[in-house]
N, C-alpha and C. Protein backbone atom coordinates (compact mmCIF):
# COMPACT_ATOMS: atom_id res chain seq x y z
N UNK A 1 -18.59 57.51 21.58
CA UNK A 1 -19.24 56.24 21.73
C UNK A 1 -18.57 55.48 22.86
N UNK A 2 -19.29 54.67 23.58
CA UNK A 2 -18.79 53.96 24.73
C UNK A 2 -18.56 52.48 24.47
N UNK A 3 -18.27 52.12 23.24
CA UNK A 3 -18.08 50.72 22.88
C UNK A 3 -16.90 50.11 23.62
N UNK A 4 -15.83 50.88 23.79
CA UNK A 4 -14.64 50.35 24.47
C UNK A 4 -14.94 49.93 25.90
N UNK A 5 -15.91 50.53 26.53
CA UNK A 5 -16.24 50.18 27.91
C UNK A 5 -16.81 48.76 28.01
N UNK A 6 -17.46 48.28 26.94
CA UNK A 6 -18.01 46.93 26.95
C UNK A 6 -16.93 45.87 26.84
N UNK A 7 -15.77 46.20 26.39
CA UNK A 7 -14.71 45.25 26.17
C UNK A 7 -13.69 45.21 27.30
N UNK A 8 -13.66 46.23 28.19
CA UNK A 8 -12.64 46.30 29.22
C UNK A 8 -13.19 45.82 30.54
N UNK A 9 -12.55 44.84 31.18
CA UNK A 9 -13.02 44.35 32.49
C UNK A 9 -12.45 45.18 33.64
N UNK A 10 -12.83 46.43 33.73
CA UNK A 10 -12.34 47.27 34.82
C UNK A 10 -13.52 48.05 35.42
N UNK A 11 -13.21 49.10 36.11
CA UNK A 11 -14.27 49.89 36.77
C UNK A 11 -15.24 50.47 35.75
N UNK A 12 -14.74 50.84 34.58
CA UNK A 12 -15.61 51.40 33.54
C UNK A 12 -16.63 50.35 33.10
N UNK A 13 -16.21 49.12 33.05
CA UNK A 13 -17.14 48.05 32.66
C UNK A 13 -18.24 47.90 33.72
N UNK A 14 -17.82 47.93 34.96
CA UNK A 14 -18.80 47.79 36.04
C UNK A 14 -19.82 48.93 35.98
N UNK A 15 -19.32 50.12 35.66
CA UNK A 15 -20.23 51.27 35.55
C UNK A 15 -21.21 51.05 34.42
N UNK A 16 -20.72 50.59 33.29
CA UNK A 16 -21.60 50.34 32.14
C UNK A 16 -22.61 49.26 32.48
N UNK A 17 -22.16 48.22 33.16
CA UNK A 17 -23.05 47.13 33.53
C UNK A 17 -24.15 47.63 34.48
N UNK A 18 -23.75 48.46 35.42
CA UNK A 18 -24.73 48.99 36.37
C UNK A 18 -25.78 49.84 35.66
N UNK A 19 -25.34 50.62 34.64
CA UNK A 19 -26.26 51.48 33.90
C UNK A 19 -27.19 50.69 32.99
N UNK A 20 -26.71 49.57 32.48
CA UNK A 20 -27.48 48.80 31.51
C UNK A 20 -27.84 47.41 32.04
N UNK A 21 -28.04 47.25 33.31
CA UNK A 21 -28.25 45.94 33.92
C UNK A 21 -29.43 45.21 33.31
N UNK A 22 -30.43 45.91 32.93
CA UNK A 22 -31.61 45.26 32.37
C UNK A 22 -31.44 44.83 30.93
N UNK A 23 -30.43 45.39 30.23
CA UNK A 23 -30.30 45.14 28.80
C UNK A 23 -29.21 44.14 28.44
N UNK A 24 -28.30 43.88 29.34
CA UNK A 24 -27.15 43.01 29.02
C UNK A 24 -27.09 41.83 29.96
N UNK A 25 -26.43 40.79 29.50
CA UNK A 25 -26.20 39.62 30.34
C UNK A 25 -25.09 39.94 31.33
N UNK A 26 -25.03 39.17 32.39
CA UNK A 26 -23.96 39.36 33.37
C UNK A 26 -22.62 39.01 32.75
N UNK A 27 -21.55 39.46 33.39
CA UNK A 27 -20.20 39.21 32.88
C UNK A 27 -19.91 37.71 32.79
N UNK A 28 -20.22 36.89 33.80
CA UNK A 28 -19.96 35.45 33.68
C UNK A 28 -20.72 34.83 32.51
N UNK A 29 -21.96 35.32 32.27
CA UNK A 29 -22.71 34.78 31.13
C UNK A 29 -22.04 35.17 29.81
N UNK A 30 -21.54 36.39 29.73
CA UNK A 30 -20.84 36.85 28.52
C UNK A 30 -19.60 36.01 28.27
N UNK A 31 -18.86 35.74 29.35
CA UNK A 31 -17.66 34.93 29.19
C UNK A 31 -17.99 33.52 28.74
N UNK A 32 -19.07 32.93 29.28
CA UNK A 32 -19.48 31.58 28.86
C UNK A 32 -19.87 31.58 27.39
N UNK A 33 -20.61 32.61 26.98
CA UNK A 33 -21.02 32.69 25.58
C UNK A 33 -19.80 32.85 24.66
N UNK A 34 -18.86 33.66 25.10
CA UNK A 34 -17.65 33.86 24.29
C UNK A 34 -16.86 32.55 24.19
N UNK A 35 -16.78 31.82 25.31
CA UNK A 35 -16.06 30.53 25.31
C UNK A 35 -16.78 29.53 24.40
N UNK A 36 -18.11 29.51 24.45
CA UNK A 36 -18.88 28.61 23.59
C UNK A 36 -18.67 28.97 22.12
N UNK A 37 -18.63 30.25 21.83
CA UNK A 37 -18.42 30.68 20.44
C UNK A 37 -17.04 30.24 19.96
N UNK A 38 -16.03 30.38 20.83
CA UNK A 38 -14.67 29.94 20.46
C UNK A 38 -14.65 28.44 20.19
N UNK A 39 -15.32 27.67 21.06
CA UNK A 39 -15.36 26.22 20.88
C UNK A 39 -16.07 25.84 19.59
N UNK A 40 -17.13 26.56 19.24
CA UNK A 40 -17.82 26.29 17.98
C UNK A 40 -16.93 26.58 16.79
N UNK A 41 -16.20 27.67 16.84
CA UNK A 41 -15.28 28.01 15.75
C UNK A 41 -14.20 26.93 15.62
N UNK A 42 -13.65 26.49 16.73
CA UNK A 42 -12.62 25.44 16.71
C UNK A 42 -13.20 24.14 16.14
N UNK A 43 -14.40 23.79 16.60
CA UNK A 43 -15.05 22.57 16.10
C UNK A 43 -15.27 22.65 14.60
N UNK A 44 -15.71 23.78 14.09
CA UNK A 44 -15.94 23.94 12.66
C UNK A 44 -14.63 23.84 11.88
N UNK A 45 -13.55 24.40 12.43
CA UNK A 45 -12.26 24.29 11.76
C UNK A 45 -11.78 22.84 11.70
N UNK A 46 -11.94 22.12 12.79
CA UNK A 46 -11.53 20.71 12.82
C UNK A 46 -12.34 19.90 11.82
N UNK A 47 -13.66 20.11 11.81
CA UNK A 47 -14.50 19.39 10.83
C UNK A 47 -14.12 19.75 9.41
N UNK A 48 -13.81 21.00 9.18
CA UNK A 48 -13.37 21.42 7.85
C UNK A 48 -12.10 20.71 7.43
N UNK A 49 -11.17 20.58 8.36
CA UNK A 49 -9.92 19.89 8.07
C UNK A 49 -10.20 18.44 7.72
N UNK A 50 -11.05 17.78 8.47
CA UNK A 50 -11.35 16.36 8.23
C UNK A 50 -12.00 16.18 6.87
N UNK A 51 -12.97 17.02 6.53
CA UNK A 51 -13.71 16.81 5.30
C UNK A 51 -13.03 17.37 4.07
N UNK A 52 -12.16 18.34 4.21
CA UNK A 52 -11.52 18.93 3.05
C UNK A 52 -10.21 18.25 2.71
N UNK A 53 -9.62 17.50 3.57
CA UNK A 53 -8.42 16.81 3.18
C UNK A 53 -7.31 16.83 4.19
N UNK A 54 -7.54 17.30 5.35
CA UNK A 54 -6.57 17.16 6.42
C UNK A 54 -5.36 18.03 6.29
N UNK A 55 -4.23 17.43 6.16
CA UNK A 55 -2.94 18.09 6.26
C UNK A 55 -2.77 19.21 5.25
N UNK A 56 -3.20 19.02 4.02
CA UNK A 56 -2.99 20.02 2.98
C UNK A 56 -3.77 21.31 3.29
N UNK A 57 -4.91 21.21 3.96
CA UNK A 57 -5.74 22.38 4.20
C UNK A 57 -5.23 23.26 5.32
N UNK A 58 -4.91 22.68 6.46
CA UNK A 58 -4.58 23.48 7.62
C UNK A 58 -3.21 23.16 8.18
N UNK A 59 -2.62 22.05 7.81
CA UNK A 59 -1.32 21.68 8.34
C UNK A 59 -1.42 20.85 9.60
N UNK A 60 -2.59 20.33 9.90
CA UNK A 60 -2.80 19.50 11.08
C UNK A 60 -2.97 18.06 10.62
N UNK A 61 -2.25 17.14 11.23
CA UNK A 61 -2.37 15.74 10.86
C UNK A 61 -3.70 15.19 11.35
N UNK A 62 -4.40 14.50 10.47
CA UNK A 62 -5.67 13.88 10.80
C UNK A 62 -5.46 12.38 10.76
N UNK A 63 -5.87 11.65 11.78
CA UNK A 63 -5.65 10.20 11.77
C UNK A 63 -6.40 9.53 10.63
N UNK A 64 -5.79 8.50 10.05
CA UNK A 64 -6.40 7.75 8.96
C UNK A 64 -7.56 6.92 9.49
N UNK A 65 -8.54 6.72 8.64
CA UNK A 65 -9.65 5.88 9.02
C UNK A 65 -9.21 4.43 8.97
N UNK A 66 -9.76 3.59 9.80
CA UNK A 66 -9.35 2.19 9.85
C UNK A 66 -9.86 1.45 8.63
N UNK A 67 -9.22 0.34 8.36
CA UNK A 67 -9.56 -0.48 7.21
C UNK A 67 -9.61 -1.93 7.66
N UNK A 68 -10.56 -2.67 7.14
CA UNK A 68 -10.69 -4.07 7.50
C UNK A 68 -9.82 -4.90 6.58
N UNK A 69 -9.00 -5.75 7.17
CA UNK A 69 -8.13 -6.64 6.41
C UNK A 69 -8.51 -8.07 6.78
N UNK A 70 -8.83 -8.86 5.77
CA UNK A 70 -9.17 -10.27 6.03
C UNK A 70 -7.90 -11.08 5.98
N UNK A 71 -7.65 -11.83 7.01
CA UNK A 71 -6.51 -12.72 7.06
C UNK A 71 -6.99 -14.14 6.86
N UNK A 72 -6.24 -14.88 6.07
CA UNK A 72 -6.58 -16.27 5.83
C UNK A 72 -5.64 -17.15 6.63
N UNK A 73 -6.18 -18.15 7.22
CA UNK A 73 -5.37 -19.11 7.96
C UNK A 73 -4.86 -20.15 6.97
N UNK A 74 -3.57 -20.43 7.01
CA UNK A 74 -2.98 -21.44 6.13
C UNK A 74 -2.31 -22.52 6.96
N UNK A 75 -2.16 -23.66 6.36
CA UNK A 75 -1.45 -24.76 7.01
C UNK A 75 0.04 -24.53 6.76
N UNK A 76 0.73 -24.01 7.76
CA UNK A 76 2.12 -23.61 7.58
C UNK A 76 3.03 -24.81 7.30
N UNK A 77 2.65 -25.98 7.77
CA UNK A 77 3.46 -27.18 7.50
C UNK A 77 3.39 -27.53 6.01
N UNK A 78 2.22 -27.36 5.42
CA UNK A 78 2.08 -27.62 3.98
C UNK A 78 2.82 -26.56 3.16
N UNK A 79 2.72 -25.31 3.59
CA UNK A 79 3.43 -24.23 2.89
C UNK A 79 4.92 -24.50 2.89
N UNK A 80 5.45 -24.97 4.01
CA UNK A 80 6.89 -25.24 4.13
C UNK A 80 7.35 -26.35 3.19
N UNK A 81 6.44 -27.21 2.74
CA UNK A 81 6.79 -28.29 1.82
C UNK A 81 6.90 -27.80 0.37
N UNK A 82 6.52 -26.55 0.14
CA UNK A 82 6.53 -26.00 -1.22
C UNK A 82 7.94 -25.70 -1.73
N UNK A 83 7.98 -25.19 -2.95
CA UNK A 83 9.24 -24.84 -3.61
C UNK A 83 9.49 -23.36 -3.40
N UNK A 84 10.65 -23.03 -2.85
CA UNK A 84 11.01 -21.63 -2.61
C UNK A 84 11.57 -21.02 -3.90
N UNK A 85 11.14 -19.82 -4.22
CA UNK A 85 11.62 -19.17 -5.44
C UNK A 85 13.13 -18.93 -5.39
N UNK A 86 13.66 -18.69 -4.20
CA UNK A 86 15.10 -18.47 -4.09
C UNK A 86 15.88 -19.74 -4.45
N UNK A 87 15.26 -20.89 -4.22
CA UNK A 87 15.91 -22.17 -4.57
C UNK A 87 15.68 -22.52 -6.04
N UNK A 88 14.61 -22.01 -6.64
CA UNK A 88 14.34 -22.28 -8.06
C UNK A 88 15.32 -21.56 -8.97
N UNK A 89 15.76 -20.40 -8.57
CA UNK A 89 16.66 -19.60 -9.41
C UNK A 89 17.90 -20.41 -9.75
N UNK A 90 18.17 -20.56 -11.03
CA UNK A 90 19.34 -21.31 -11.50
C UNK A 90 19.10 -22.80 -11.66
N UNK A 91 17.93 -23.28 -11.23
CA UNK A 91 17.63 -24.71 -11.35
C UNK A 91 17.43 -25.12 -12.81
N UNK A 92 17.83 -26.34 -13.11
CA UNK A 92 17.69 -26.87 -14.47
C UNK A 92 16.23 -27.13 -14.78
N UNK A 93 15.87 -26.91 -16.04
CA UNK A 93 14.53 -27.24 -16.54
C UNK A 93 14.74 -28.32 -17.60
N UNK A 94 13.98 -29.40 -17.47
CA UNK A 94 14.09 -30.51 -18.42
C UNK A 94 12.76 -30.70 -19.12
N UNK A 95 12.79 -31.42 -20.24
CA UNK A 95 11.54 -31.76 -20.90
C UNK A 95 11.09 -33.13 -20.42
N UNK A 96 10.01 -33.64 -20.99
CA UNK A 96 9.49 -34.92 -20.52
C UNK A 96 10.36 -36.10 -20.94
N UNK A 97 11.38 -35.85 -21.78
CA UNK A 97 12.36 -36.88 -22.15
C UNK A 97 13.60 -36.80 -21.25
N UNK A 98 13.52 -35.96 -20.23
CA UNK A 98 14.60 -35.74 -19.26
C UNK A 98 15.84 -35.09 -19.89
N UNK A 99 15.63 -34.31 -20.98
CA UNK A 99 16.72 -33.57 -21.63
C UNK A 99 16.72 -32.15 -21.05
N UNK A 100 17.90 -31.67 -20.69
CA UNK A 100 17.98 -30.30 -20.16
C UNK A 100 17.71 -29.33 -21.30
N UNK A 101 16.75 -28.44 -21.08
CA UNK A 101 16.40 -27.47 -22.11
C UNK A 101 16.68 -26.03 -21.67
N UNK A 102 17.04 -25.84 -20.42
CA UNK A 102 17.33 -24.49 -19.94
C UNK A 102 17.42 -24.45 -18.43
N UNK A 103 17.41 -23.24 -17.90
CA UNK A 103 17.43 -23.06 -16.44
C UNK A 103 16.58 -21.85 -16.06
N UNK A 104 16.07 -21.90 -14.85
CA UNK A 104 15.22 -20.80 -14.35
C UNK A 104 16.10 -19.58 -14.12
N UNK A 105 15.75 -18.49 -14.79
CA UNK A 105 16.47 -17.22 -14.60
C UNK A 105 15.76 -16.36 -13.56
N UNK A 106 14.43 -16.45 -13.55
CA UNK A 106 13.67 -15.59 -12.62
C UNK A 106 12.22 -16.08 -12.55
N UNK A 107 11.52 -15.63 -11.53
CA UNK A 107 10.08 -15.82 -11.38
C UNK A 107 9.48 -14.42 -11.30
N UNK A 108 8.48 -14.16 -12.13
CA UNK A 108 7.87 -12.83 -12.16
C UNK A 108 6.39 -12.94 -11.81
N UNK A 109 5.93 -12.04 -10.97
CA UNK A 109 4.51 -11.94 -10.65
C UNK A 109 3.94 -10.86 -11.55
N UNK A 110 3.03 -11.27 -12.44
CA UNK A 110 2.41 -10.32 -13.36
C UNK A 110 1.47 -9.36 -12.65
N UNK A 111 1.09 -8.30 -13.32
CA UNK A 111 0.16 -7.32 -12.76
C UNK A 111 -1.16 -7.96 -12.37
N UNK A 112 -1.54 -9.03 -13.07
CA UNK A 112 -2.78 -9.75 -12.77
C UNK A 112 -2.56 -10.88 -11.77
N UNK A 113 -1.39 -10.89 -11.13
CA UNK A 113 -1.00 -11.85 -10.09
C UNK A 113 -0.77 -13.26 -10.64
N UNK A 114 -0.56 -13.37 -11.94
CA UNK A 114 -0.21 -14.66 -12.54
C UNK A 114 1.31 -14.78 -12.51
N UNK A 115 1.80 -15.97 -12.12
CA UNK A 115 3.24 -16.21 -12.05
C UNK A 115 3.79 -16.62 -13.42
N UNK A 116 4.97 -16.11 -13.73
CA UNK A 116 5.68 -16.47 -14.96
C UNK A 116 7.08 -16.93 -14.60
N UNK A 117 7.56 -17.93 -15.34
CA UNK A 117 8.94 -18.38 -15.19
C UNK A 117 9.72 -17.83 -16.37
N UNK A 118 10.84 -17.20 -16.08
CA UNK A 118 11.75 -16.76 -17.14
C UNK A 118 12.83 -17.83 -17.22
N UNK A 119 12.95 -18.44 -18.40
CA UNK A 119 13.87 -19.56 -18.60
C UNK A 119 14.95 -19.15 -19.58
N UNK A 120 16.19 -19.43 -19.21
CA UNK A 120 17.30 -19.18 -20.12
C UNK A 120 17.53 -20.47 -20.90
N UNK A 121 17.47 -20.34 -22.22
CA UNK A 121 17.66 -21.48 -23.12
C UNK A 121 19.00 -21.30 -23.82
N UNK A 122 19.85 -22.33 -23.77
CA UNK A 122 21.17 -22.25 -24.42
C UNK A 122 22.09 -21.36 -23.61
N UNK A 123 23.20 -21.02 -24.20
CA UNK A 123 24.19 -20.20 -23.53
C UNK A 123 25.05 -21.02 -22.58
N UNK A 124 26.04 -20.35 -22.02
CA UNK A 124 26.96 -21.01 -21.10
C UNK A 124 27.29 -20.04 -19.99
N UNK A 125 27.11 -20.46 -18.76
CA UNK A 125 27.36 -19.64 -17.57
C UNK A 125 26.64 -18.29 -17.64
N UNK A 126 25.41 -18.33 -18.15
CA UNK A 126 24.60 -17.11 -18.19
C UNK A 126 24.88 -16.20 -19.36
N UNK A 127 25.77 -16.60 -20.26
CA UNK A 127 26.12 -15.76 -21.42
C UNK A 127 25.60 -16.40 -22.70
N UNK A 128 25.10 -15.56 -23.60
CA UNK A 128 24.67 -16.02 -24.91
C UNK A 128 23.37 -16.79 -24.92
N UNK A 129 22.65 -16.79 -23.83
CA UNK A 129 21.39 -17.52 -23.78
C UNK A 129 20.24 -16.70 -24.32
N UNK A 130 19.17 -17.39 -24.60
CA UNK A 130 17.93 -16.79 -25.10
C UNK A 130 16.91 -16.90 -23.97
N UNK A 131 16.39 -15.78 -23.49
CA UNK A 131 15.40 -15.80 -22.41
C UNK A 131 13.99 -15.89 -22.98
N UNK A 132 13.19 -16.77 -22.40
CA UNK A 132 11.78 -16.86 -22.76
C UNK A 132 10.97 -16.78 -21.47
N UNK A 133 9.71 -16.41 -21.61
CA UNK A 133 8.81 -16.38 -20.46
C UNK A 133 7.66 -17.33 -20.73
N UNK A 134 7.30 -18.08 -19.71
CA UNK A 134 6.17 -19.00 -19.81
C UNK A 134 5.37 -18.94 -18.52
N UNK A 135 4.05 -19.13 -18.63
CA UNK A 135 3.27 -19.16 -17.39
C UNK A 135 3.81 -20.26 -16.48
N UNK A 136 3.94 -19.95 -15.21
CA UNK A 136 4.53 -20.88 -14.26
C UNK A 136 3.74 -22.18 -14.17
N UNK A 137 2.42 -22.10 -14.37
CA UNK A 137 1.61 -23.32 -14.26
C UNK A 137 1.87 -24.32 -15.40
N UNK A 138 2.65 -23.92 -16.41
CA UNK A 138 3.05 -24.85 -17.47
C UNK A 138 4.15 -25.79 -17.00
N UNK A 139 4.86 -25.38 -15.95
CA UNK A 139 5.94 -26.21 -15.41
C UNK A 139 5.34 -27.27 -14.48
N UNK A 140 5.94 -28.43 -14.52
CA UNK A 140 5.55 -29.51 -13.60
C UNK A 140 6.70 -29.67 -12.60
N UNK A 141 6.38 -29.52 -11.31
CA UNK A 141 7.40 -29.64 -10.28
C UNK A 141 7.35 -31.07 -9.74
N UNK A 142 8.40 -31.82 -10.01
CA UNK A 142 8.47 -33.22 -9.59
C UNK A 142 9.12 -33.28 -8.21
N UNK A 143 8.30 -33.46 -7.19
CA UNK A 143 8.79 -33.49 -5.81
C UNK A 143 9.73 -34.67 -5.55
N UNK A 144 9.39 -35.81 -6.09
CA UNK A 144 10.18 -37.02 -5.81
C UNK A 144 11.59 -36.93 -6.38
N UNK A 145 11.72 -36.44 -7.60
CA UNK A 145 13.03 -36.37 -8.26
C UNK A 145 13.68 -34.99 -8.11
N UNK A 146 12.90 -34.03 -7.60
CA UNK A 146 13.43 -32.68 -7.44
C UNK A 146 13.71 -32.00 -8.77
N UNK A 147 12.90 -32.30 -9.78
CA UNK A 147 13.11 -31.75 -11.12
C UNK A 147 11.99 -30.79 -11.50
N UNK A 148 12.35 -29.90 -12.39
CA UNK A 148 11.38 -28.98 -12.97
C UNK A 148 11.23 -29.39 -14.44
N UNK A 149 10.01 -29.75 -14.82
CA UNK A 149 9.76 -30.27 -16.17
C UNK A 149 8.86 -29.33 -16.94
N UNK A 150 9.24 -29.06 -18.20
CA UNK A 150 8.38 -28.32 -19.13
C UNK A 150 8.00 -29.31 -20.23
N UNK A 151 6.86 -29.97 -20.06
CA UNK A 151 6.48 -31.03 -20.99
C UNK A 151 6.35 -30.55 -22.44
N UNK A 152 6.79 -31.41 -23.38
CA UNK A 152 6.64 -31.13 -24.80
C UNK A 152 7.60 -30.08 -25.35
N UNK A 153 8.55 -29.61 -24.57
CA UNK A 153 9.46 -28.55 -25.01
C UNK A 153 10.78 -29.13 -25.48
N UNK A 154 11.43 -28.41 -26.38
CA UNK A 154 12.79 -28.73 -26.79
C UNK A 154 13.55 -27.41 -26.91
N UNK A 155 14.88 -27.49 -26.89
CA UNK A 155 15.68 -26.27 -27.00
C UNK A 155 15.35 -25.54 -28.29
N UNK A 156 15.23 -26.28 -29.38
CA UNK A 156 14.97 -25.64 -30.68
C UNK A 156 13.62 -24.91 -30.70
N UNK A 157 12.59 -25.55 -30.14
CA UNK A 157 11.27 -24.93 -30.11
C UNK A 157 11.28 -23.69 -29.21
N UNK A 158 11.96 -23.77 -28.08
CA UNK A 158 12.00 -22.63 -27.16
C UNK A 158 12.76 -21.46 -27.75
N UNK A 159 13.81 -21.74 -28.54
CA UNK A 159 14.58 -20.65 -29.17
C UNK A 159 13.78 -19.91 -30.22
N UNK A 160 12.70 -20.52 -30.72
CA UNK A 160 11.85 -19.88 -31.72
C UNK A 160 10.86 -18.90 -31.07
N UNK A 161 10.66 -19.03 -29.78
CA UNK A 161 9.73 -18.13 -29.08
C UNK A 161 10.32 -16.72 -28.98
N UNK A 162 9.45 -15.70 -28.86
CA UNK A 162 9.95 -14.33 -28.72
C UNK A 162 10.86 -14.22 -27.50
N UNK A 163 11.94 -13.46 -27.67
CA UNK A 163 12.90 -13.30 -26.57
C UNK A 163 12.31 -12.37 -25.50
N UNK A 164 12.46 -12.77 -24.26
CA UNK A 164 12.04 -11.94 -23.12
C UNK A 164 13.15 -10.98 -22.78
N UNK A 165 12.79 -9.73 -22.53
CA UNK A 165 13.77 -8.71 -22.10
C UNK A 165 13.23 -8.03 -20.85
N UNK A 166 14.09 -7.89 -19.85
CA UNK A 166 13.73 -7.20 -18.61
C UNK A 166 13.62 -5.71 -18.87
N UNK A 167 12.64 -5.07 -18.24
CA UNK A 167 12.58 -3.61 -18.24
C UNK A 167 13.52 -3.12 -17.17
N UNK A 168 14.09 -1.98 -17.35
CA UNK A 168 15.03 -1.47 -16.36
C UNK A 168 14.38 -1.04 -15.10
């Protein structure tokens, strides 16, 4: 069989081409078709990588698709007038009778994005206290006096609440 002659670009190929000129495409046309076939195979592989999952399939990094992020404009001067959580830590908490009932131990952002204040009630220098958690919006921040007020609270009432414990 003369199949090998169709694959070799030498004198044997030219002889085969001359014998079969009417039945086969010219050599440049064959090369173009082969190049197009290679490009199609490459294109299909790339599309496969994109649609099947990228890196895990072929080991080729595929760029991430873009995502739209909405930015909100805020009045930065007003934000700066707010209370910083780093400054709240350790601050005294008083009731509406101006009696100290505890101090801020921490501020926690819940999974539902609700803020909670962890307040240490009783104890001395961070020891022996009872931790409670309350929604942050229950606290009244007095800008003029620089106080944090938990209206209607007393040490005795707060100690009756379930104790808050940090997860590790």
